Amino acid sequence: MHPSDGEVIRASLVDAERFGVVYDRYSTQLYRYAYRRVGPEFAEDAVAETFLAAFRRRASYDLRRPDARPWLFGILSREISMRHRAEDARYRALAKARVSEVAEGFVDEVVAAVTAQGAGAAIAEALRNLPGGDRDVVLLIAWNDFNYAEVAEALGIKLGTVRSRLHRARRRLRAALGDDSPIDLFEVTG
């Protein structure tokens, strides 16, 4: 049986190299998310800064938490928010593009299908126009399959705030995309 993230982080307090296990477990997920948010130019830097910050703050990690994924995505979300211009430029470029990137996973397959029907530009523009906090909630749910509690933990906000941001974002996305929007993709249980 593999040690939990909390156990690995605890061990890394004595042997810093043990933190590499956390990197191995989550670097691909974090990179994929950062790539979608800010593009390849900034994704590697954002992920590197995320792990550097996580390593520096590992002593403050709640070792009772077995899963570090929400903690890491919270740090990454803050890193991305500092790269707001890069994310904004990425969405502007996607809104102008005719063809979207190759998508992975169910949600991305649906988004790719919608893009093929000509809605990709509208989706990118609608996401770009969301306030940063609302966009963080929507994308953590849509791209990382987070539940409300994980989003709240990742972003350091209350559960009710997650719900209200998601509700507000869905309303804005529906208004921007019309009745044929894929907003049902952002439904979450828990």
Protein backbone atom coordinates (compact mmCIF):
# COMPACT_ATOMS: atom_id res chain seq x y z
CA MET A 1 0.00 0.00 0.00
CA HIS A 2 1.26 3.46 -0.90
CA PRO A 3 1.69 6.07 1.82
CA SER A 4 -0.81 8.93 1.83
CA ASP A 5 0.29 12.38 0.75
CA GLY A 6 0.21 13.46 4.39
CA GLU A 7 2.58 10.65 5.30
CA VAL A 8 4.90 11.53 2.41
CA ILE A 9 4.94 15.20 3.37
CA ARG A 10 5.61 14.27 7.00
CA ALA A 11 8.57 12.14 5.87
CA SER A 12 9.81 15.02 3.69
CA LEU A 13 10.18 17.18 6.79
CA VAL A 14 13.04 14.88 7.81
CA ASP A 15 14.24 13.84 4.35
CA ALA A 16 13.50 16.61 1.83
CA GLU A 17 13.96 14.29 -1.14
CA ARG A 18 10.81 12.40 -0.13
CA PHE A 19 8.78 15.37 -1.38
CA GLY A 20 9.59 14.11 -4.87
CA VAL A 21 6.84 11.52 -4.42
CA VAL A 22 4.27 14.32 -4.26
CA TYR A 23 5.76 15.79 -7.43
CA ASP A 24 5.60 12.41 -9.17
CA ARG A 25 1.97 11.93 -8.16
CA TYR A 26 0.62 15.30 -9.26
CA SER A 27 2.95 17.10 -11.66
CA THR A 28 1.21 15.79 -14.79
CA GLN A 29 -2.26 16.79 -13.57
CA LEU A 30 -1.04 20.22 -12.54
CA TYR A 31 0.76 20.76 -15.83
CA ARG A 32 -2.27 19.72 -17.88
CA TYR A 33 -4.44 22.17 -15.95
CA ALA A 34 -1.89 25.00 -16.21
CA TYR A 35 -1.41 24.31 -19.93
CA ARG A 36 -5.12 24.73 -20.54
CA ARG A 37 -5.26 27.89 -18.47
CA VAL A 38 -2.13 29.76 -19.55
CA GLY A 39 -0.69 27.79 -22.47
CA PRO A 40 2.65 26.09 -22.91
CA GLU A 41 4.67 29.30 -22.56
CA PHE A 42 3.77 29.70 -18.89
CA ALA A 43 2.55 26.26 -17.77
CA GLU A 44 5.94 24.85 -16.85
CA ASP A 45 6.87 27.94 -14.85
CA ALA A 46 3.53 27.96 -13.04
CA VAL A 47 3.89 24.29 -12.06
CA ALA A 48 7.52 24.76 -11.01
CA GLU A 49 6.56 27.74 -8.86
CA THR A 50 3.69 25.71 -7.40
CA PHE A 51 5.97 22.89 -6.28
CA LEU A 52 8.57 25.32 -4.98
CA ALA A 53 5.90 27.08 -2.89
CA ALA A 54 4.47 23.73 -1.73
CA PHE A 55 7.92 22.51 -0.73
CA ARG A 56 8.60 25.69 1.22
CA ARG A 57 5.19 25.50 2.95
CA ARG A 58 5.17 21.76 3.58
CA ALA A 59 5.67 22.24 7.32
CA SER A 60 2.31 24.03 7.46
CA TYR A 61 0.47 21.29 5.53
CA ASP A 62 -2.27 19.60 7.59
CA LEU A 63 -0.69 16.15 7.82
CA ARG A 64 -4.05 14.60 8.67
CA ARG A 65 -5.17 15.27 5.11
CA PRO A 66 -4.33 12.20 3.04
CA ASP A 67 -4.79 13.96 -0.33
CA ALA A 68 -2.59 16.95 -1.23
CA ARG A 69 -4.27 17.49 -4.60
CA PRO A 70 -6.63 20.31 -3.46
CA TRP A 71 -3.75 22.03 -1.63
CA LEU A 72 -1.54 21.88 -4.72
CA PHE A 73 -4.28 23.06 -7.07
CA GLY A 74 -4.95 25.95 -4.71
CA ILE A 75 -1.32 27.01 -4.91
CA LEU A 76 -1.40 26.60 -8.71
CA SER A 77 -4.60 28.66 -8.95
CA ARG A 78 -2.86 31.50 -7.10
CA GLU A 79 0.17 31.17 -9.41
CA ILE A 80 -2.12 31.37 -12.44
CA SER A 81 -3.93 34.38 -11.04
CA MET A 82 -0.57 36.15 -10.96
CA ARG A 83 -0.29 35.33 -14.67
CA HIS A 84 -3.69 36.83 -15.47
CA ARG A 85 -2.43 38.47 -18.65
CA ALA A 86 -1.16 35.16 -19.99
CA GLU A 87 -4.47 33.45 -19.27
CA ASP A 88 -6.43 36.30 -20.80
CA ALA A 89 -4.27 36.19 -23.93
CA ARG A 90 -4.75 32.42 -24.13
CA TYR A 91 -8.54 32.72 -24.08
CA ARG A 92 -8.44 35.53 -26.65
CA ALA A 93 -6.34 33.32 -28.93
CA LEU A 94 -8.65 30.34 -28.43
CA ALA A 95 -11.66 32.52 -29.15
CA LYS A 96 -10.11 33.49 -32.49
CA ALA A 97 -8.87 30.00 -33.38
CA ARG A 98 -10.80 27.81 -35.75
CA VAL A 99 -9.60 24.50 -34.35
CA SER A 100 -9.16 23.63 -30.70
CA GLU A 101 -6.40 21.58 -29.15
CA VAL A 102 -6.65 17.84 -28.88
CA ALA A 103 -8.71 17.19 -25.80
CA GLU A 104 -8.37 14.51 -23.15
CA GLY A 105 -11.10 12.99 -21.03
CA PHE A 106 -14.88 13.04 -21.24
CA VAL A 107 -15.38 16.72 -20.52
CA ASP A 108 -12.74 17.65 -23.05
CA GLU A 109 -14.28 15.34 -25.66
CA VAL A 110 -17.59 17.09 -25.25
CA VAL A 111 -15.94 20.50 -25.39
CA ALA A 112 -14.02 19.39 -28.50
CA ALA A 113 -17.28 18.26 -30.11
CA VAL A 114 -18.88 21.60 -29.31
CA THR A 115 -15.81 23.35 -30.70
CA ALA A 116 -16.15 21.37 -33.91
CA GLN A 117 -19.67 22.80 -34.19
CA GLY A 118 -18.28 26.31 -34.01
CA ALA A 119 -18.90 27.10 -30.34
CA GLY A 120 -15.30 26.80 -29.17
CA ALA A 121 -14.59 30.46 -29.71
CA ALA A 122 -17.70 31.42 -27.77
CA ILE A 123 -16.74 29.13 -24.88
CA ALA A 124 -13.23 30.57 -24.72
CA GLU A 125 -14.59 34.11 -24.80
CA ALA A 126 -17.19 33.33 -22.14
CA LEU A 127 -14.54 31.80 -19.87
CA ARG A 128 -12.25 34.78 -20.44
CA ASN A 129 -15.01 37.14 -19.34
CA LEU A 130 -15.71 35.34 -16.07
CA PRO A 131 -14.23 36.88 -12.92
CA GLY A 132 -11.07 34.99 -11.91
CA GLY A 133 -12.58 33.39 -8.80
CA ASP A 134 -15.61 32.13 -10.71
CA ARG A 135 -13.39 30.80 -13.50
CA ASP A 136 -11.21 28.96 -10.95
CA VAL A 137 -14.26 27.19 -9.50
CA VAL A 138 -15.67 26.21 -12.90
CA LEU A 139 -12.38 24.91 -14.25
CA LEU A 140 -11.40 22.98 -11.13
CA ILE A 141 -14.73 21.18 -11.40
CA ALA A 142 -14.77 20.74 -15.18
CA TRP A 143 -11.13 19.85 -15.79
CA ASN A 144 -10.13 18.15 -12.55
CA ASP A 145 -13.36 16.56 -11.41
CA PHE A 146 -13.19 18.31 -8.03
CA ASN A 147 -16.20 18.24 -5.73
CA TYR A 148 -17.37 21.32 -3.80
CA ALA A 149 -15.31 20.47 -0.71
CA GLU A 150 -12.13 20.01 -2.75
CA VAL A 151 -12.68 23.32 -4.55
CA ALA A 152 -13.26 25.06 -1.21
CA GLU A 153 -10.07 23.57 0.19
CA ALA A 154 -8.05 24.35 -2.92
CA LEU A 155 -9.11 27.97 -3.08
CA GLY A 156 -9.31 28.56 0.66
CA ILE A 157 -12.95 29.63 0.50
CA LYS A 158 -16.14 28.49 2.19
CA LEU A 159 -18.35 25.79 0.72
CA GLY A 160 -21.18 28.30 0.29
CA THR A 161 -18.84 30.56 -1.67
CA VAL A 162 -18.02 27.67 -4.02
CA ARG A 163 -21.73 27.11 -4.61
CA SER A 164 -22.49 30.78 -5.21
CA ARG A 165 -19.50 31.25 -7.54
CA LEU A 166 -20.45 28.15 -9.52
CA HIS A 167 -24.08 29.26 -9.73
CA ARG A 168 -23.04 32.75 -10.87
CA ALA A 169 -20.56 31.33 -13.40
CA ARG A 170 -23.14 28.91 -14.84
CA ARG A 171 -25.63 31.76 -15.19
CA ARG A 172 -23.07 33.95 -16.98
CA LEU A 173 -21.90 31.14 -19.22
CA ARG A 174 -25.49 30.24 -20.18
CA ALA A 175 -26.20 33.89 -20.96
CA ALA A 176 -23.06 34.13 -23.10
CA LEU A 177 -23.54 30.81 -24.88
CA GLY A 178 -27.31 30.62 -25.23
CA ASP A 179 -29.64 27.69 -24.71
CA ASP A 180 -27.44 25.19 -26.55
CA SER A 181 -24.57 25.69 -24.13
CA PRO A 182 -22.65 22.76 -22.61
CA ILE A 183 -22.98 24.21 -19.11
CA ASP A 184 -24.39 20.93 -17.77
CA LEU A 185 -20.78 19.73 -17.97
CA PHE A 186 -20.07 21.81 -14.88
CA GLU A 187 -22.50 19.86 -12.70
CA VAL A 188 -20.93 18.28 -9.66
CA THR A 189 -22.11 16.05 -6.89
CA GLY A 190 -20.95 16.53 -3.31
